[in-house]
Amino acid sequence: MLTKEVVIIVAEDDEGHKSLIVKNLQRAGITNEIICFKNGQETLDFLLLKGKGPHRAPDAGYILLLDIRMPKVDGVEVLRQLKQDPELTKIPVTMITTTDDPREVEECHLLGCSNYITKPVDYNKFIEVIRQLGLFLLVVEVPKIKGEFKAWKTSVGLPTV
């Protein structure tokens, strides 16, 4: 079951979609902290501990709900960079997008996304999809993400400094 310490990251540039996602996750019973970013660069800075904005906490678990079409850095590139990091690759990433191009679906899965959800155009269907996602998130297990270098050393079996 999703514990309080797991933080849900919503990377979505459309304010209306972001509000629907957050509201309907909460309606589905999700009480976890939800952090929202409006572009891929903010999302990467948070997770990769770069820039002056907020950064992820050590020893916390994260789930990323990621739109593909975003300004600055698109969701596919965010996914690519996360899955190249030895520690951040553990973060479950669900792509939530209006794009249902089979080539893009395949690319995201090849890069390591956990799920790919196409946003329905119909408002009520979109709400139902997010509610079902919330129910799924209630039962998913998420690994904690450790600090930068120490976690990497531990993950390859070397002693922690």
C-alpha atoms as a PDB file:
ATOM      1  CA  MET A   1       0.000   0.000   0.000  1.00  0.00           C
ATOM      2  CA  LEU A   2       1.204   3.505  -0.799  1.00  0.00           C
ATOM      3  CA  THR A   3       2.555   4.973   2.422  1.00  0.00           C
ATOM      4  CA  LYS A   4       2.490   8.600   3.500  1.00  0.00           C
ATOM      5  CA  GLU A   5       6.210   8.947   2.865  1.00  0.00           C
ATOM      6  CA  VAL A   6       5.875   8.287  -0.876  1.00  0.00           C
ATOM      7  CA  VAL A   7       5.666  11.591  -2.715  1.00  0.00           C
ATOM      8  CA  ILE A   8       3.730  11.819  -5.965  1.00  0.00           C
ATOM      9  CA  ILE A   9       5.266  14.128  -8.548  1.00  0.00           C
ATOM     10  CA  VAL A  10       2.933  15.466 -11.227  1.00  0.00           C
ATOM     11  CA  ALA A  11       4.771  16.963 -14.215  1.00  0.00           C
ATOM     12  CA  GLU A  12       2.009  18.602 -16.267  1.00  0.00           C
ATOM     13  CA  ASP A  13       2.045  21.957 -18.025  1.00  0.00           C
ATOM     14  CA  ASP A  14      -1.735  22.166 -18.574  1.00  0.00           C
ATOM     15  CA  GLU A  15      -3.206  23.729 -15.423  1.00  0.00           C
ATOM     16  CA  GLY A  16      -6.642  22.185 -16.017  1.00  0.00           C
ATOM     17  CA  HIS A  17      -5.238  18.678 -16.458  1.00  0.00           C
ATOM     18  CA  LYS A  18      -2.996  19.123 -13.416  1.00  0.00           C
ATOM     19  CA  SER A  19      -5.964  20.163 -11.263  1.00  0.00           C
ATOM     20  CA  LEU A  20      -8.049  17.214 -12.494  1.00  0.00           C
ATOM     21  CA  ILE A  21      -5.215  14.782 -11.778  1.00  0.00           C
ATOM     22  CA  VAL A  22      -4.583  16.075  -8.253  1.00  0.00           C
ATOM     23  CA  LYS A  23      -8.264  16.396  -7.340  1.00  0.00           C
ATOM     24  CA  ASN A  24      -9.163  12.925  -8.590  1.00  0.00           C
ATOM     25  CA  LEU A  25      -6.171  11.228  -6.989  1.00  0.00           C
ATOM     26  CA  GLN A  26      -7.332  12.722  -3.702  1.00  0.00           C
ATOM     27  CA  ARG A  27     -10.903  11.567  -4.380  1.00  0.00           C
ATOM     28  CA  ALA A  28      -9.531   8.056  -4.920  1.00  0.00           C
ATOM     29  CA  GLY A  29      -8.120   8.134  -1.391  1.00  0.00           C
ATOM     30  CA  ILE A  30      -4.554   9.272  -2.019  1.00  0.00           C
ATOM     31  CA  THR A  31      -3.402  11.350   0.955  1.00  0.00           C
ATOM     32  CA  ASN A  32       0.280  11.460   0.030  1.00  0.00           C
ATOM     33  CA  GLU A  33       2.123  14.685  -0.622  1.00  0.00           C
ATOM     34  CA  ILE A  34       1.736  15.753  -4.252  1.00  0.00           C
ATOM     35  CA  ILE A  35       4.325  18.046  -5.807  1.00  0.00           C
ATOM     36  CA  CYS A  36       3.556  19.634  -9.183  1.00  0.00           C
ATOM     37  CA  PHE A  37       5.918  20.934 -11.842  1.00  0.00           C
ATOM     38  CA  LYS A  38       4.893  22.768 -15.001  1.00  0.00           C
ATOM     39  CA  ASN A  39       7.806  21.720 -17.220  1.00  0.00           C
ATOM     40  CA  GLY A  40      10.358  18.993 -17.636  1.00  0.00           C
ATOM     41  CA  GLN A  41      13.319  21.128 -16.572  1.00  0.00           C
ATOM     42  CA  GLU A  42      11.796  21.845 -13.145  1.00  0.00           C
ATOM     43  CA  THR A  43      11.117  18.124 -12.747  1.00  0.00           C
ATOM     44  CA  LEU A  44      14.689  17.171 -13.630  1.00  0.00           C
ATOM     45  CA  ASP A  45      16.171  19.879 -11.389  1.00  0.00           C
ATOM     46  CA  PHE A  46      14.115  18.564  -8.448  1.00  0.00           C
ATOM     47  CA  LEU A  47      15.069  14.929  -8.991  1.00  0.00           C
ATOM     48  CA  LEU A  48      18.691  15.451 -10.077  1.00  0.00           C
ATOM     49  CA  LEU A  49      19.323  17.979  -7.257  1.00  0.00           C
ATOM     50  CA  LYS A  50      20.210  20.810  -9.653  1.00  0.00           C
ATOM     51  CA  GLY A  51      19.319  24.491  -9.783  1.00  0.00           C
ATOM     52  CA  LYS A  52      18.017  26.778  -7.050  1.00  0.00           C
ATOM     53  CA  GLY A  53      14.491  25.386  -6.704  1.00  0.00           C
ATOM     54  CA  PRO A  54      13.246  22.625  -4.415  1.00  0.00           C
ATOM     55  CA  HIS A  55      15.052  19.278  -4.418  1.00  0.00           C
ATOM     56  CA  ARG A  56      14.053  15.739  -3.530  1.00  0.00           C
ATOM     57  CA  ALA A  57      14.712  14.475  -0.042  1.00  0.00           C
ATOM     58  CA  PRO A  58      17.117  11.613   0.610  1.00  0.00           C
ATOM     59  CA  ASP A  59      15.594   8.296   1.700  1.00  0.00           C
ATOM     60  CA  ALA A  60      12.168   9.105   0.269  1.00  0.00           C
ATOM     61  CA  GLY A  61      10.072   7.245  -2.259  1.00  0.00           C
ATOM     62  CA  TYR A  62       8.689   8.956  -5.338  1.00  0.00           C
ATOM     63  CA  ILE A  63       6.207   8.188  -8.094  1.00  0.00           C
ATOM     64  CA  LEU A  64       6.267  10.356 -11.217  1.00  0.00           C
ATOM     65  CA  LEU A  65       3.179  11.083 -13.311  1.00  0.00           C
ATOM     66  CA  LEU A  66       4.687  12.568 -16.444  1.00  0.00           C
ATOM     67  CA  ASP A  67       3.148  14.397 -19.384  1.00  0.00           C
ATOM     68  CA  ILE A  68       5.013  14.105 -22.676  1.00  0.00           C
ATOM     69  CA  ARG A  69       4.268  17.475 -24.272  1.00  0.00           C
ATOM     70  CA  MET A  70       5.826  20.040 -21.923  1.00  0.00           C
ATOM     71  CA  PRO A  71       7.907  23.191 -22.388  1.00  0.00           C
ATOM     72  CA  LYS A  72      11.678  23.398 -21.894  1.00  0.00           C
ATOM     73  CA  VAL A  73      12.273  19.622 -21.638  1.00  0.00           C
ATOM     74  CA  ASP A  74       9.666  17.160 -22.862  1.00  0.00           C
ATOM     75  CA  GLY A  75       8.536  14.118 -20.899  1.00  0.00           C
ATOM     76  CA  VAL A  76      10.395  11.614 -23.082  1.00  0.00           C
ATOM     77  CA  GLU A  77      13.693  13.362 -22.323  1.00  0.00           C
ATOM     78  CA  VAL A  78      12.839  13.526 -18.598  1.00  0.00           C
ATOM     79  CA  LEU A  79      12.174   9.776 -18.678  1.00  0.00           C
ATOM     80  CA  ARG A  80      15.425   9.137 -20.571  1.00  0.00           C
ATOM     81  CA  GLN A  81      17.522  11.062 -18.046  1.00  0.00           C
ATOM     82  CA  LEU A  82      15.860   9.459 -15.018  1.00  0.00           C
ATOM     83  CA  LYS A  83      16.333   5.955 -16.326  1.00  0.00           C
ATOM     84  CA  GLN A  84      20.043   6.637 -17.021  1.00  0.00           C
ATOM     85  CA  ASP A  85      20.653   7.489 -13.354  1.00  0.00           C
ATOM     86  CA  PRO A  86      21.585   4.411 -11.270  1.00  0.00           C
ATOM     87  CA  GLU A  87      19.426   5.492  -8.323  1.00  0.00           C
ATOM     88  CA  LEU A  88      16.591   7.424  -9.976  1.00  0.00           C
ATOM     89  CA  THR A  89      15.881   4.555 -12.364  1.00  0.00           C
ATOM     90  CA  LYS A  90      13.935   2.980  -9.476  1.00  0.00           C
ATOM     91  CA  ILE A  91      11.252   5.682  -9.617  1.00  0.00           C
ATOM     92  CA  PRO A  92       8.055   4.322 -11.169  1.00  0.00           C
ATOM     93  CA  VAL A  93       7.075   6.609 -14.045  1.00  0.00           C
ATOM     94  CA  THR A  94       3.569   6.707 -15.478  1.00  0.00           C
ATOM     95  CA  MET A  95       3.250   8.629 -18.712  1.00  0.00           C
ATOM     96  CA  ILE A  96      -0.076  10.516 -18.815  1.00  0.00           C
ATOM     97  CA  THR A  97      -0.524  12.148 -22.189  1.00  0.00           C
ATOM     98  CA  THR A  98      -2.876  12.884 -25.054  1.00  0.00           C
ATOM     99  CA  THR A  99      -0.449  11.172 -27.426  1.00  0.00           C
ATOM    100  CA  ASP A 100      -1.425   7.640 -28.420  1.00  0.00           C
ATOM    101  CA  ASP A 101       1.081   7.259 -31.253  1.00  0.00           C
ATOM    102  CA  PRO A 102       2.199   3.590 -31.076  1.00  0.00           C
ATOM    103  CA  ARG A 103       5.820   4.600 -31.801  1.00  0.00           C
ATOM    104  CA  GLU A 104       5.825   6.971 -28.837  1.00  0.00           C
ATOM    105  CA  VAL A 105       4.184   4.379 -26.574  1.00  0.00           C
ATOM    106  CA  GLU A 106       6.874   1.874 -27.572  1.00  0.00           C
ATOM    107  CA  GLU A 107       9.691   4.400 -27.110  1.00  0.00           C
ATOM    108  CA  CYS A 108       8.522   5.262 -23.587  1.00  0.00           C
ATOM    109  CA  HIS A 109       8.321   1.592 -22.635  1.00  0.00           C
ATOM    110  CA  LEU A 110      11.767   0.925 -24.111  1.00  0.00           C
ATOM    111  CA  LEU A 111      13.123   3.832 -22.044  1.00  0.00           C
ATOM    112  CA  GLY A 112      11.639   2.292 -18.901  1.00  0.00           C
ATOM    113  CA  CYS A 113       8.263   3.835 -18.125  1.00  0.00           C
ATOM    114  CA  SER A 114       6.102   1.712 -15.839  1.00  0.00           C
ATOM    115  CA  ASN A 115       2.766   2.597 -17.461  1.00  0.00           C
ATOM    116  CA  TYR A 116       1.465   4.658 -20.356  1.00  0.00           C
ATOM    117  CA  ILE A 117      -1.981   6.233 -20.026  1.00  0.00           C
ATOM    118  CA  THR A 118      -3.649   8.190 -22.806  1.00  0.00           C
ATOM    119  CA  LYS A 119      -5.750  11.103 -21.555  1.00  0.00           C
ATOM    120  CA  PRO A 120      -9.278  10.695 -22.898  1.00  0.00           C
ATOM    121  CA  VAL A 121     -10.673  13.806 -24.553  1.00  0.00           C
ATOM    122  CA  ASP A 122     -13.998  13.289 -22.754  1.00  0.00           C
ATOM    123  CA  TYR A 123     -13.977  14.998 -19.334  1.00  0.00           C
ATOM    124  CA  ASN A 124     -15.827  12.208 -17.478  1.00  0.00           C
ATOM    125  CA  LYS A 125     -13.625   9.501 -18.990  1.00  0.00           C
ATOM    126  CA  PHE A 126     -10.510  11.455 -17.987  1.00  0.00           C
ATOM    127  CA  ILE A 127     -11.779  11.686 -14.398  1.00  0.00           C
ATOM    128  CA  GLU A 128     -12.453   7.932 -14.371  1.00  0.00           C
ATOM    129  CA  VAL A 129      -8.978   7.140 -15.706  1.00  0.00           C
ATOM    130  CA  ILE A 130      -7.355   9.239 -12.959  1.00  0.00           C
ATOM    131  CA  ARG A 131      -9.587   7.659 -10.301  1.00  0.00           C
ATOM    132  CA  GLN A 132      -8.487   4.206 -11.465  1.00  0.00           C
ATOM    133  CA  LEU A 133      -4.865   5.355 -11.419  1.00  0.00           C
ATOM    134  CA  GLY A 134      -5.395   6.523  -7.827  1.00  0.00           C
ATOM    135  CA  LEU A 135      -6.731   3.092  -6.870  1.00  0.00           C
ATOM    136  CA  PHE A 136      -3.684   1.499  -8.488  1.00  0.00           C
ATOM    137  CA  LEU A 137      -1.361   3.839  -6.576  1.00  0.00           C
ATOM    138  CA  LEU A 138      -2.972   2.777  -3.307  1.00  0.00           C
ATOM    139  CA  VAL A 139      -1.486  -0.711  -3.682  1.00  0.00           C
ATOM    140  CA  VAL A 140       1.813  -0.128  -5.489  1.00  0.00           C
ATOM    141  CA  GLU A 141       5.126  -0.626  -3.666  1.00  0.00           C
ATOM    142  CA  VAL A 142       7.768   2.064  -4.244  1.00  0.00           C
ATOM    143  CA  PRO A 143      11.504   1.850  -3.402  1.00  0.00           C
ATOM    144  CA  LYS A 144      13.160   4.686  -1.535  1.00  0.00           C
ATOM    145  CA  ILE A 145      15.674   6.817  -3.402  1.00  0.00           C
ATOM    146  CA  LYS A 146      18.917   7.246  -1.496  1.00  0.00           C
ATOM    147  CA  GLY A 147      21.417  10.107  -1.602  1.00  0.00           C
ATOM    148  CA  GLU A 148      23.556  10.629  -4.702  1.00  0.00           C
ATOM    149  CA  PHE A 149      26.923   8.932  -4.315  1.00  0.00           C
ATOM    150  CA  LYS A 150      26.474   6.791  -1.203  1.00  0.00           C
ATOM    151  CA  ALA A 151      23.432   5.064  -2.645  1.00  0.00           C
ATOM    152  CA  TRP A 152      25.256   4.277  -5.849  1.00  0.00           C
ATOM    153  CA  LYS A 153      28.145   2.720  -3.934  1.00  0.00           C
ATOM    154  CA  THR A 154      25.726   0.694  -1.840  1.00  0.00           C
ATOM    155  CA  SER A 155      23.818  -0.462  -4.911  1.00  0.00           C
ATOM    156  CA  VAL A 156      26.948  -2.000  -6.407  1.00  0.00           C
ATOM    157  CA  GLY A 157      27.891  -3.740  -3.163  1.00  0.00           C
ATOM    158  CA  LEU A 158      30.631  -1.409  -1.926  1.00  0.00           C
ATOM    159  CA  PRO A 159      30.661  -0.219   1.672  1.00  0.00           C
ATOM    160  CA  THR A 160      28.894   3.026   2.455  1.00  0.00           C
ATOM    161  CA  VAL A 161      31.244   5.903   3.302  1.00  0.00           C
END
